[in-house]
Structures are given as C-alpha cells and as structure tokens.
Amino acid sequence: MRLAAYVLLADPSFLAASLRAYYDRVDRIVLSYDETSTSWTGTPLPVNECLAIVKELDTDDKCVHAPGRFARLDEHPLDNDTFQRQTALDEASRDADWVLQLDTDEVMLSPDAFVGSLGRAEAAGASGLDFPSRWLYSRVAPGRYLEASSRLGRPAASYPGPLAVRAGTRLVHARQADVPLYRVDLGPWNTDPARPRDAIVHEVVDPGAAVLHFSWVRRPEAMRQKFGWSGHTAHYSRPGVYESWVERTRHPRRTALTSPFRRRDWFRLVTVPEPPGGEP
C-alpha cells in the first residue's frame, strides 16, 4: 500500500510526537494551514511555530506545504474544518492508496498495530479504518492522566472519524466519511459509550496499542486558546466546561472515584507513556 498523510497545522503542543510516530511509514505528508494564520473562528494561530517544528523533523523531505484560506468567517467553524480537511485529503490522495488523517494531538502508541490493521482493512474491502483512540482529559502528574472511561472505569474507545481512508474519499463532517469501515476496538464488544452496544467489531487491539488523543491535555492558558480556535468552540464555551476541567484536574482521585455516580463524564486514572518532550 502507498500511504500518505495530511495534518492541519494549528496546534504545536504534540505535533512533533504525532508526526514522528508514523513519519517512516508514509511517503508524503501534506501540511495544510491557513496562510493568514487565522483559525476557523477568526482567532490567531501559531502557524509559524508549527512550521518550525516540522522543518526540524522532516529529515527526508516528505512534507509538502499546502497553504490556503480556510478562515471563512461567514461559514460555521465545523464547515471550515471539513473544507480544510477535504482540500488536504485531495492533495494527499495523489499517488496514494490510503491517507492517514490524524490530528496533531493524536499519537500512535504502536505504528505496527495501526499499519497491520490498515492492511486487514484493505483486504476486507473497507474504505476507512476506525482505529480506537484513548481520550485523555488532563495530565495530573508526570505520566499520570485522567482518561475517559466506562462508568465503572474500564477502557473506552473513541472514534472522531476514520484515522485512515482510501485516497479520493469524500468527507461529510470533519473527518467522518460515509464509507464502509473496518472497525477496531479495545475488546470483542463495543467499548465506545457513544455507539450502540451491538456495534460491529472486526478486530481487537490491546489498549497499549491504541492512539493516545491528548485533546484536553494543556496548560490552562493553552486550553483557553484551544477553546477559542476549535471548531467545537460553541460547545467548549458553555458555562462550566472550563471550570469543570480545572476542578477535575486539581482533584483527579476524587474525579475517578465519583465517576460511577455521574450520568456522564466518566474518567479513570491511568499511567501512559509521555510523548517526547514531556509536559505540553
């Protein structure tokens, strides 16, 4: 399989760790970024910082610059998200069979497991690989994190969209695509609270081989910045969202112990490998 990838350059926090995990597995990486360093919501983005990180690690000249104007402020931020991803995916599809679409705060723990599952998705005739992410809520100590879980603290997979799609795929919403999916989970049954219990599982991987999604693992000032530029700004800016994150981060043990008594927002305390560079 000829593999390519695209990344949306906006957030430098885990960019180097994310790219290094699969850099030697792909032929090209399309760098998509707004040429005015403006987010989908109109806030400034640290694009130059991201470009400097990529320049340092791109030792084999695999990265292709694809700037554009994606801050269409008369459009919904998530529509801008989809538009930018589709533009990047179209460019990455050239001379490729499959395109990886990991965000820069997602880090593969086992590239071998990921590529192996992708090969089985190819053999099964699927057009997208639904590979499990473990959603990390906050870093509470070196190597210790609050992670989204089942109500009783079991591992839970999350699926923001297929993390690899066939070249030429059309996206319908952010990374999501209406295509046949090969679905990998953390157990022989569905572990994603957002999906039906009887959702099909084609393959099982150990949680130690999943993708770590450092979505909300930030310092407070970086978290507020992320809330401002994200396509999900409307949700993140609701009263209490940021305050709850601060409170739970300060009291992680209590947050995990009280999870069974909440109707949603369940977490467990876990030890996971730190990304290169340590604290974000």
C-alpha atoms as a PDB file:
ATOM      1  CA  MET A   1       0.000   0.000   0.000  1.00  0.00           C
ATOM      2  CA  ARG A   2       1.147   3.502  -0.808  1.00  0.00           C
ATOM      3  CA  LEU A   3       0.490   5.618   2.262  1.00  0.00           C
ATOM      4  CA  ALA A   4       0.243   9.374   2.612  1.00  0.00           C
ATOM      5  CA  ALA A   5      -0.992  11.642   5.403  1.00  0.00           C
ATOM      6  CA  TYR A   6      -2.251  15.137   5.945  1.00  0.00           C
ATOM      7  CA  VAL A   7      -2.073  17.334   9.026  1.00  0.00           C
ATOM      8  CA  LEU A   8      -3.769  20.597   9.897  1.00  0.00           C
ATOM      9  CA  LEU A   9      -1.106  22.889  11.310  1.00  0.00           C
ATOM     10  CA  ALA A  10      -2.547  24.941  14.141  1.00  0.00           C
ATOM     11  CA  ASP A  11      -1.561  23.386  17.463  1.00  0.00           C
ATOM     12  CA  PRO A  12       2.141  22.811  18.258  1.00  0.00           C
ATOM     13  CA  SER A  13       1.596  21.034  21.602  1.00  0.00           C
ATOM     14  CA  PHE A  14       2.047  17.410  20.442  1.00  0.00           C
ATOM     15  CA  LEU A  15       2.889  17.990  16.790  1.00  0.00           C
ATOM     16  CA  ALA A  16       6.406  16.528  16.853  1.00  0.00           C
ATOM     17  CA  ALA A  17       5.376  13.384  18.752  1.00  0.00           C
ATOM     18  CA  SER A  18       2.408  12.825  16.453  1.00  0.00           C
ATOM     19  CA  LEU A  19       4.392  13.113  13.218  1.00  0.00           C
ATOM     20  CA  ARG A  20       7.385  11.099  14.406  1.00  0.00           C
ATOM     21  CA  ALA A  21       5.166   8.126  15.265  1.00  0.00           C
ATOM     22  CA  TYR A  22       4.273   7.465  11.616  1.00  0.00           C
ATOM     23  CA  TYR A  23       6.841   9.529   9.679  1.00  0.00           C
ATOM     24  CA  ASP A  24       8.748   6.468   8.417  1.00  0.00           C
ATOM     25  CA  ARG A  25       5.525   4.688   7.366  1.00  0.00           C
ATOM     26  CA  VAL A  26       4.282   7.201   4.794  1.00  0.00           C
ATOM     27  CA  ASP A  27       5.601   8.583   1.521  1.00  0.00           C
ATOM     28  CA  ARG A  28       4.169  12.112   1.775  1.00  0.00           C
ATOM     29  CA  ILE A  29       2.705  14.362   4.458  1.00  0.00           C
ATOM     30  CA  VAL A  30       0.586  17.283   3.292  1.00  0.00           C
ATOM     31  CA  LEU A  31       0.863  20.309   5.585  1.00  0.00           C
ATOM     32  CA  SER A  32      -2.405  22.228   5.473  1.00  0.00           C
ATOM     33  CA  TYR A  33      -2.507  25.636   7.142  1.00  0.00           C
ATOM     34  CA  ASP A  34      -4.174  28.993   6.807  1.00  0.00           C
ATOM     35  CA  GLU A  35      -1.824  31.387   5.033  1.00  0.00           C
ATOM     36  CA  THR A  36      -3.013  34.254   7.243  1.00  0.00           C
ATOM     37  CA  SER A  37      -2.507  32.214  10.471  1.00  0.00           C
ATOM     38  CA  THR A  38      -6.194  32.651  11.269  1.00  0.00           C
ATOM     39  CA  SER A  39      -8.424  29.976  12.805  1.00  0.00           C
ATOM     40  CA  TRP A  40     -11.873  28.846  11.653  1.00  0.00           C
ATOM     41  CA  THR A  41     -13.319  31.174  14.295  1.00  0.00           C
ATOM     42  CA  GLY A  42     -11.147  34.190  13.450  1.00  0.00           C
ATOM     43  CA  THR A  43      -8.562  33.897  16.248  1.00  0.00           C
ATOM     44  CA  PRO A  44      -4.786  33.912  15.590  1.00  0.00           C
ATOM     45  CA  LEU A  45      -2.962  30.587  15.207  1.00  0.00           C
ATOM     46  CA  PRO A  46       0.730  29.782  15.951  1.00  0.00           C
ATOM     47  CA  VAL A  47       1.331  28.510  12.420  1.00  0.00           C
ATOM     48  CA  ASN A  48       4.947  29.668  12.240  1.00  0.00           C
ATOM     49  CA  GLU A  49       5.767  27.735  15.401  1.00  0.00           C
ATOM     50  CA  CYS A  50       4.240  24.615  13.849  1.00  0.00           C
ATOM     51  CA  LEU A  51       6.192  25.104  10.623  1.00  0.00           C
ATOM     52  CA  ALA A  52       9.446  25.416  12.575  1.00  0.00           C
ATOM     53  CA  ILE A  53       8.764  22.101  14.351  1.00  0.00           C
ATOM     54  CA  VAL A  54       8.026  20.342  11.076  1.00  0.00           C
ATOM     55  CA  LYS A  55      11.132  21.748   9.397  1.00  0.00           C
ATOM     56  CA  GLU A  56      13.332  20.300  12.131  1.00  0.00           C
ATOM     57  CA  LEU A  57      11.909  16.774  11.965  1.00  0.00           C
ATOM     58  CA  ASP A  58      11.363  16.484   8.180  1.00  0.00           C
ATOM     59  CA  THR A  59      14.752  14.898   7.527  1.00  0.00           C
ATOM     60  CA  ASP A  60      13.616  13.032   4.390  1.00  0.00           C
ATOM     61  CA  ASP A  61      11.763  15.941   2.763  1.00  0.00           C
ATOM     62  CA  LYS A  62       8.417  14.142   2.882  1.00  0.00           C
ATOM     63  CA  CYS A  63       6.376  17.181   3.888  1.00  0.00           C
ATOM     64  CA  VAL A  64       4.513  19.153   1.218  1.00  0.00           C
ATOM     65  CA  HIS A  65       3.292  22.662   2.006  1.00  0.00           C
ATOM     66  CA  ALA A  66      -0.347  23.326   1.106  1.00  0.00           C
ATOM     67  CA  PRO A  67      -1.349  26.761   2.455  1.00  0.00           C
ATOM     68  CA  GLY A  68      -4.784  28.178   1.759  1.00  0.00           C
ATOM     69  CA  ARG A  69      -7.503  30.443   3.092  1.00  0.00           C
ATOM     70  CA  PHE A  70      -9.637  28.399   5.447  1.00  0.00           C
ATOM     71  CA  ALA A  71     -10.868  31.078   7.867  1.00  0.00           C
ATOM     72  CA  ARG A  72     -14.157  31.672   6.071  1.00  0.00           C
ATOM     73  CA  LEU A  73     -15.764  33.617   8.882  1.00  0.00           C
ATOM     74  CA  ASP A  74     -19.191  33.641   7.250  1.00  0.00           C
ATOM     75  CA  GLU A  75     -19.246  29.829   7.495  1.00  0.00           C
ATOM     76  CA  HIS A  76     -19.764  27.593  10.528  1.00  0.00           C
ATOM     77  CA  PRO A  77     -16.401  26.608  12.095  1.00  0.00           C
ATOM     78  CA  LEU A  78     -17.094  22.880  11.572  1.00  0.00           C
ATOM     79  CA  ASP A  79     -17.884  23.532   7.912  1.00  0.00           C
ATOM     80  CA  ASN A  80     -14.486  25.229   7.668  1.00  0.00           C
ATOM     81  CA  ASP A  81     -12.997  22.185   9.388  1.00  0.00           C
ATOM     82  CA  THR A  82     -14.486  19.855   6.779  1.00  0.00           C
ATOM     83  CA  PHE A  83     -13.479  22.140   3.908  1.00  0.00           C
ATOM     84  CA  GLN A  84      -9.851  22.332   5.014  1.00  0.00           C
ATOM     85  CA  ARG A  85      -9.621  18.589   5.607  1.00  0.00           C
ATOM     86  CA  GLN A  86     -11.138  17.803   2.224  1.00  0.00           C
ATOM     87  CA  THR A  87      -8.708  20.148   0.480  1.00  0.00           C
ATOM     88  CA  ALA A  88      -5.781  18.486   2.271  1.00  0.00           C
ATOM     89  CA  LEU A  89      -7.119  14.976   1.660  1.00  0.00           C
ATOM     90  CA  ASP A  90      -7.476  15.656  -2.074  1.00  0.00           C
ATOM     91  CA  GLU A  91      -3.835  16.761  -2.242  1.00  0.00           C
ATOM     92  CA  ALA A  92      -2.622  13.806  -0.161  1.00  0.00           C
ATOM     93  CA  SER A  93      -4.572  11.357  -2.353  1.00  0.00           C
ATOM     94  CA  ARG A  94      -2.243  11.891  -5.294  1.00  0.00           C
ATOM     95  CA  ASP A  95      -0.177   8.731  -5.892  1.00  0.00           C
ATOM     96  CA  ALA A  96      -1.508   7.153  -2.691  1.00  0.00           C
ATOM     97  CA  ASP A  97      -3.762   4.210  -1.875  1.00  0.00           C
ATOM     98  CA  TRP A  98      -4.633   5.283   1.666  1.00  0.00           C
ATOM     99  CA  VAL A  99      -4.373   8.586   3.535  1.00  0.00           C
ATOM    100  CA  LEU A 100      -3.817   8.883   7.277  1.00  0.00           C
ATOM    101  CA  GLN A 101      -5.827  11.648   8.919  1.00  0.00           C
ATOM    102  CA  LEU A 102      -4.542  12.021  12.455  1.00  0.00           C
ATOM    103  CA  ASP A 103      -4.758  15.328  14.242  1.00  0.00           C
ATOM    104  CA  THR A 104      -1.571  16.755  15.700  1.00  0.00           C
ATOM    105  CA  ASP A 105      -2.622  15.956  19.284  1.00  0.00           C
ATOM    106  CA  GLU A 106      -3.017  12.251  18.455  1.00  0.00           C
ATOM    107  CA  VAL A 107      -0.023   9.968  18.955  1.00  0.00           C
ATOM    108  CA  MET A 108       0.196   6.345  17.803  1.00  0.00           C
ATOM    109  CA  LEU A 109       1.391   4.030  20.551  1.00  0.00           C
ATOM    110  CA  SER A 110       2.014   1.161  18.099  1.00  0.00           C
ATOM    111  CA  PRO A 111       2.515   2.083  14.437  1.00  0.00           C
ATOM    112  CA  ASP A 112       2.969  -1.642  13.711  1.00  0.00           C
ATOM    113  CA  ALA A 113      -0.507  -2.411  15.063  1.00  0.00           C
ATOM    114  CA  PHE A 114      -2.028   0.508  13.161  1.00  0.00           C
ATOM    115  CA  VAL A 115      -0.481  -0.405   9.815  1.00  0.00           C
ATOM    116  CA  GLY A 116      -1.334  -4.075  10.377  1.00  0.00           C
ATOM    117  CA  SER A 117      -4.993  -3.186  10.923  1.00  0.00           C
ATOM    118  CA  LEU A 118      -4.896  -0.975   7.844  1.00  0.00           C
ATOM    119  CA  GLY A 119      -3.664  -3.907   5.784  1.00  0.00           C
ATOM    120  CA  ARG A 120      -6.544  -6.053   7.031  1.00  0.00           C
ATOM    121  CA  ALA A 121      -8.989  -3.230   6.250  1.00  0.00           C
ATOM    122  CA  GLU A 122      -7.600  -3.179   2.714  1.00  0.00           C
ATOM    123  CA  ALA A 123      -8.012  -6.953   2.397  1.00  0.00           C
ATOM    124  CA  ALA A 124     -11.587  -6.764   3.718  1.00  0.00           C
ATOM    125  CA  GLY A 125     -12.552  -4.225   1.046  1.00  0.00           C
ATOM    126  CA  ALA A 126     -13.215  -1.422   3.543  1.00  0.00           C
ATOM    127  CA  SER A 127     -12.726   2.223   2.650  1.00  0.00           C
ATOM    128  CA  GLY A 128     -11.973   3.562   6.117  1.00  0.00           C
ATOM    129  CA  LEU A 129     -10.131   2.369   9.218  1.00  0.00           C
ATOM    130  CA  ASP A 130     -11.905   3.092  12.511  1.00  0.00           C
ATOM    131  CA  PHE A 131      -8.978   2.653  14.899  1.00  0.00           C
ATOM    132  CA  PRO A 132      -9.549   3.301  18.611  1.00  0.00           C
ATOM    133  CA  SER A 133      -8.370   6.444  20.348  1.00  0.00           C
ATOM    134  CA  ARG A 134      -7.986   6.791  24.106  1.00  0.00           C
ATOM    135  CA  TRP A 135      -9.209  10.262  25.022  1.00  0.00           C
ATOM    136  CA  LEU A 136      -7.028  11.934  27.647  1.00  0.00           C
ATOM    137  CA  TYR A 137      -8.746  14.660  29.646  1.00  0.00           C
ATOM    138  CA  SER A 138      -5.875  16.110  31.653  1.00  0.00           C
ATOM    139  CA  ARG A 139      -2.326  15.481  32.859  1.00  0.00           C
ATOM    140  CA  VAL A 140      -2.265  15.406  36.650  1.00  0.00           C
ATOM    141  CA  ALA A 141       1.368  14.317  37.197  1.00  0.00           C
ATOM    142  CA  PRO A 142       4.275  13.103  35.060  1.00  0.00           C
ATOM    143  CA  GLY A 143       2.940  10.026  33.272  1.00  0.00           C
ATOM    144  CA  ARG A 144      -0.440  10.186  35.082  1.00  0.00           C
ATOM    145  CA  TYR A 145      -3.601  11.230  33.308  1.00  0.00           C
ATOM    146  CA  LEU A 146      -7.342  11.379  33.671  1.00  0.00           C
ATOM    147  CA  GLU A 147      -8.687   9.305  30.784  1.00  0.00           C
ATOM    148  CA  ALA A 148     -12.262   8.983  29.545  1.00  0.00           C
ATOM    149  CA  SER A 149     -13.574   5.544  30.523  1.00  0.00           C
ATOM    150  CA  SER A 150     -16.688   3.474  31.005  1.00  0.00           C
ATOM    151  CA  ARG A 151     -18.844   4.271  34.012  1.00  0.00           C
ATOM    152  CA  LEU A 152     -17.027   1.593  36.040  1.00  0.00           C
ATOM    153  CA  GLY A 153     -13.537   2.617  34.955  1.00  0.00           C
ATOM    154  CA  ARG A 154     -12.955   0.208  32.090  1.00  0.00           C
ATOM    155  CA  PRO A 155     -11.106   1.253  28.902  1.00  0.00           C
ATOM    156  CA  ALA A 156     -13.280   3.128  26.434  1.00  0.00           C
ATOM    157  CA  ALA A 157     -12.528   3.734  22.773  1.00  0.00           C
ATOM    158  CA  SER A 158     -13.420   6.936  20.970  1.00  0.00           C
ATOM    159  CA  TYR A 159     -13.733   7.446  17.233  1.00  0.00           C
ATOM    160  CA  PRO A 160     -13.538  11.055  15.967  1.00  0.00           C
ATOM    161  CA  GLY A 161     -13.630   9.643  12.443  1.00  0.00           C
ATOM    162  CA  PRO A 162     -11.677   7.039  10.480  1.00  0.00           C
ATOM    163  CA  LEU A 163      -7.964   7.591  11.085  1.00  0.00           C
ATOM    164  CA  ALA A 164      -7.203   6.372   7.566  1.00  0.00           C
ATOM    165  CA  VAL A 165      -9.312   6.481   4.423  1.00  0.00           C
ATOM    166  CA  ARG A 166      -8.855   5.380   0.842  1.00  0.00           C
ATOM    167  CA  ALA A 167      -7.444   8.018  -1.468  1.00  0.00           C
ATOM    168  CA  GLY A 168     -10.184  10.088  -3.047  1.00  0.00           C
ATOM    169  CA  THR A 169     -12.650   9.715  -0.184  1.00  0.00           C
ATOM    170  CA  ARG A 170     -15.265  12.444   0.275  1.00  0.00           C
ATOM    171  CA  LEU A 171     -15.679  13.689   3.838  1.00  0.00           C
ATOM    172  CA  VAL A 172     -19.128  14.565   5.152  1.00  0.00           C
ATOM    173  CA  HIS A 173     -18.360  16.166   8.541  1.00  0.00           C
ATOM    174  CA  ALA A 174     -14.862  16.939   9.825  1.00  0.00           C
ATOM    175  CA  ARG A 175     -13.028  13.580   9.473  1.00  0.00           C
ATOM    176  CA  GLN A 176     -16.168  11.498   9.142  1.00  0.00           C
ATOM    177  CA  ALA A 177     -16.982   9.759   5.874  1.00  0.00           C
ATOM    178  CA  ASP A 178     -19.979   7.721   4.764  1.00  0.00           C
ATOM    179  CA  VAL A 179     -17.939   4.699   3.629  1.00  0.00           C
ATOM    180  CA  PRO A 180     -17.641   1.028   4.659  1.00  0.00           C
ATOM    181  CA  LEU A 181     -15.482   0.941   7.795  1.00  0.00           C
ATOM    182  CA  TYR A 182     -13.168  -1.679   9.243  1.00  0.00           C
ATOM    183  CA  ARG A 183     -13.658  -1.209  12.964  1.00  0.00           C
ATOM    184  CA  VAL A 184     -11.004  -1.975  15.566  1.00  0.00           C
ATOM    185  CA  ASP A 185     -11.897  -1.824  19.260  1.00  0.00           C
ATOM    186  CA  LEU A 186     -10.350  -2.426  22.674  1.00  0.00           C
ATOM    187  CA  GLY A 187     -12.470  -5.507  23.315  1.00  0.00           C
ATOM    188  CA  PRO A 188     -14.588  -8.035  21.388  1.00  0.00           C
ATOM    189  CA  TRP A 189     -17.641  -5.911  22.223  1.00  0.00           C
ATOM    190  CA  ASN A 190     -18.198  -2.222  21.628  1.00  0.00           C
ATOM    191  CA  THR A 191     -16.417  -0.038  24.219  1.00  0.00           C
ATOM    192  CA  ASP A 192     -17.446   3.370  22.814  1.00  0.00           C
ATOM    193  CA  PRO A 193     -20.207   4.874  25.006  1.00  0.00           C
ATOM    194  CA  ALA A 194     -21.380   6.923  22.021  1.00  0.00           C
ATOM    195  CA  ARG A 195     -22.204   3.840  19.927  1.00  0.00           C
ATOM    196  CA  PRO A 196     -24.789   1.078  20.224  1.00  0.00           C
ATOM    197  CA  ARG A 197     -23.758  -1.904  22.320  1.00  0.00           C
ATOM    198  CA  ASP A 198     -24.137  -4.207  19.313  1.00  0.00           C
ATOM    199  CA  ALA A 199     -21.843  -2.154  17.029  1.00  0.00           C
ATOM    200  CA  ILE A 200     -19.730  -4.496  14.928  1.00  0.00           C
ATOM    201  CA  VAL A 201     -16.125  -5.095  15.958  1.00  0.00           C
ATOM    202  CA  HIS A 202     -13.880  -6.561  13.255  1.00  0.00           C
ATOM    203  CA  GLU A 203     -10.646  -6.666  15.236  1.00  0.00           C
ATOM    204  CA  VAL A 204      -9.427  -6.217  18.811  1.00  0.00           C
ATOM    205  CA  VAL A 205      -6.234  -4.465  19.929  1.00  0.00           C
ATOM    206  CA  ASP A 206      -4.775  -4.048  23.379  1.00  0.00           C
ATOM    207  CA  PRO A 207      -5.278  -0.561  24.904  1.00  0.00           C
ATOM    208  CA  GLY A 208      -1.482  -0.281  24.829  1.00  0.00           C
ATOM    209  CA  ALA A 209      -1.651  -0.215  21.020  1.00  0.00           C
ATOM    210  CA  ALA A 210      -4.342   2.449  20.679  1.00  0.00           C
ATOM    211  CA  VAL A 211      -3.858   6.056  19.619  1.00  0.00           C
ATOM    212  CA  LEU A 212      -3.500   8.479  22.514  1.00  0.00           C
ATOM    213  CA  HIS A 213      -5.621  11.583  21.980  1.00  0.00           C
ATOM    214  CA  PHE A 214      -4.151  14.409  24.073  1.00  0.00           C
ATOM    215  CA  SER A 215      -7.174  16.550  23.269  1.00  0.00           C
ATOM    216  CA  TRP A 216      -7.543  18.468  26.529  1.00  0.00           C
ATOM    217  CA  VAL A 217      -4.060  17.927  27.920  1.00  0.00           C
ATOM    218  CA  ARG A 218      -2.909  21.537  28.107  1.00  0.00           C
ATOM    219  CA  ARG A 219      -1.736  24.191  30.486  1.00  0.00           C
ATOM    220  CA  PRO A 220      -4.656  26.462  31.457  1.00  0.00           C
ATOM    221  CA  GLU A 221      -3.618  29.292  29.132  1.00  0.00           C
ATOM    222  CA  ALA A 222      -3.195  26.875  26.207  1.00  0.00           C
ATOM    223  CA  MET A 223      -6.564  25.281  26.980  1.00  0.00           C
ATOM    224  CA  ARG A 224      -8.332  28.638  26.779  1.00  0.00           C
ATOM    225  CA  GLN A 225      -6.577  29.301  23.472  1.00  0.00           C
ATOM    226  CA  LYS A 226      -7.653  25.917  22.100  1.00  0.00           C
ATOM    227  CA  PHE A 227     -11.248  26.530  23.175  1.00  0.00           C
ATOM    228  CA  GLY A 228     -11.173  29.715  21.128  1.00  0.00           C
ATOM    229  CA  TRP A 229      -9.897  28.317  17.848  1.00  0.00           C
ATOM    230  CA  SER A 230     -11.583  24.903  17.815  1.00  0.00           C
ATOM    231  CA  GLY A 231     -14.445  24.005  15.524  1.00  0.00           C
ATOM    232  CA  HIS A 232     -16.253  22.989  18.731  1.00  0.00           C
ATOM    233  CA  THR A 233     -15.984  26.461  20.261  1.00  0.00           C
ATOM    234  CA  ALA A 234     -19.750  26.733  20.762  1.00  0.00           C
ATOM    235  CA  HIS A 235     -19.707  23.622  22.955  1.00  0.00           C
ATOM    236  CA  TYR A 236     -16.488  24.430  24.793  1.00  0.00           C
ATOM    237  CA  SER A 237     -17.628  27.944  25.661  1.00  0.00           C
ATOM    238  CA  ARG A 238     -20.737  26.755  27.515  1.00  0.00           C
ATOM    239  CA  PRO A 239     -20.859  27.765  31.196  1.00  0.00           C
ATOM    240  CA  GLY A 240     -18.950  25.400  33.453  1.00  0.00           C
ATOM    241  CA  VAL A 241     -16.971  23.449  30.843  1.00  0.00           C
ATOM    242  CA  TYR A 242     -13.622  25.087  31.551  1.00  0.00           C
ATOM    243  CA  GLU A 243     -14.324  25.354  35.282  1.00  0.00           C
ATOM    244  CA  SER A 244     -15.103  21.612  35.474  1.00  0.00           C
ATOM    245  CA  TRP A 245     -11.847  20.809  33.688  1.00  0.00           C
ATOM    246  CA  VAL A 246      -9.886  22.882  36.210  1.00  0.00           C
ATOM    247  CA  GLU A 247     -11.650  21.339  39.201  1.00  0.00           C
ATOM    248  CA  ARG A 248     -11.236  17.757  37.986  1.00  0.00           C
ATOM    249  CA  THR A 249      -7.594  18.321  37.153  1.00  0.00           C
ATOM    250  CA  ARG A 250      -6.955  19.609  40.671  1.00  0.00           C
ATOM    251  CA  HIS A 251      -8.761  16.641  42.239  1.00  0.00           C
ATOM    252  CA  PRO A 252      -8.134  13.668  39.927  1.00  0.00           C
ATOM    253  CA  ARG A 253      -8.585  10.930  42.535  1.00  0.00           C
ATOM    254  CA  ARG A 254     -11.962  12.298  43.584  1.00  0.00           C
ATOM    255  CA  THR A 255     -12.947  12.675  39.924  1.00  0.00           C
ATOM    256  CA  ALA A 256     -12.221   9.000  39.236  1.00  0.00           C
ATOM    257  CA  LEU A 257     -13.828   7.700  42.440  1.00  0.00           C
ATOM    258  CA  THR A 258     -17.076   9.607  41.877  1.00  0.00           C
ATOM    259  CA  SER A 259     -17.449   8.630  38.200  1.00  0.00           C
ATOM    260  CA  PRO A 260     -19.929   5.754  38.871  1.00  0.00           C
ATOM    261  CA  PHE A 261     -22.325   8.263  40.442  1.00  0.00           C
ATOM    262  CA  ARG A 262     -22.449  10.571  37.416  1.00  0.00           C
ATOM    263  CA  ARG A 263     -24.744  10.132  34.439  1.00  0.00           C
ATOM    264  CA  ARG A 264     -21.914  11.028  32.048  1.00  0.00           C
ATOM    265  CA  ASP A 265     -18.313  12.297  32.041  1.00  0.00           C
ATOM    266  CA  TRP A 266     -16.635   9.165  33.394  1.00  0.00           C
ATOM    267  CA  PHE A 267     -12.886   9.054  33.992  1.00  0.00           C
ATOM    268  CA  ARG A 268     -10.188   6.799  35.342  1.00  0.00           C
ATOM    269  CA  LEU A 269      -6.617   7.491  36.444  1.00  0.00           C
ATOM    270  CA  VAL A 270      -4.013   5.838  34.214  1.00  0.00           C
ATOM    271  CA  THR A 271      -0.297   5.737  33.597  1.00  0.00           C
ATOM    272  CA  VAL A 272       0.620   6.146  29.942  1.00  0.00           C
ATOM    273  CA  PRO A 273       3.892   6.861  28.071  1.00  0.00           C
ATOM    274  CA  GLU A 274       4.749  10.521  27.992  1.00  0.00           C
ATOM    275  CA  PRO A 275       5.141  11.930  24.483  1.00  0.00           C
ATOM    276  CA  PRO A 276       8.653  13.051  23.588  1.00  0.00           C
ATOM    277  CA  GLY A 277       9.307  16.431  25.115  1.00  0.00           C
ATOM    278  CA  GLY A 278       7.442  15.772  28.327  1.00  0.00           C
ATOM    279  CA  GLU A 279       4.858  18.218  29.631  1.00  0.00           C
ATOM    280  CA  PRO A 280       2.975  20.071  26.861  1.00  0.00           C
END
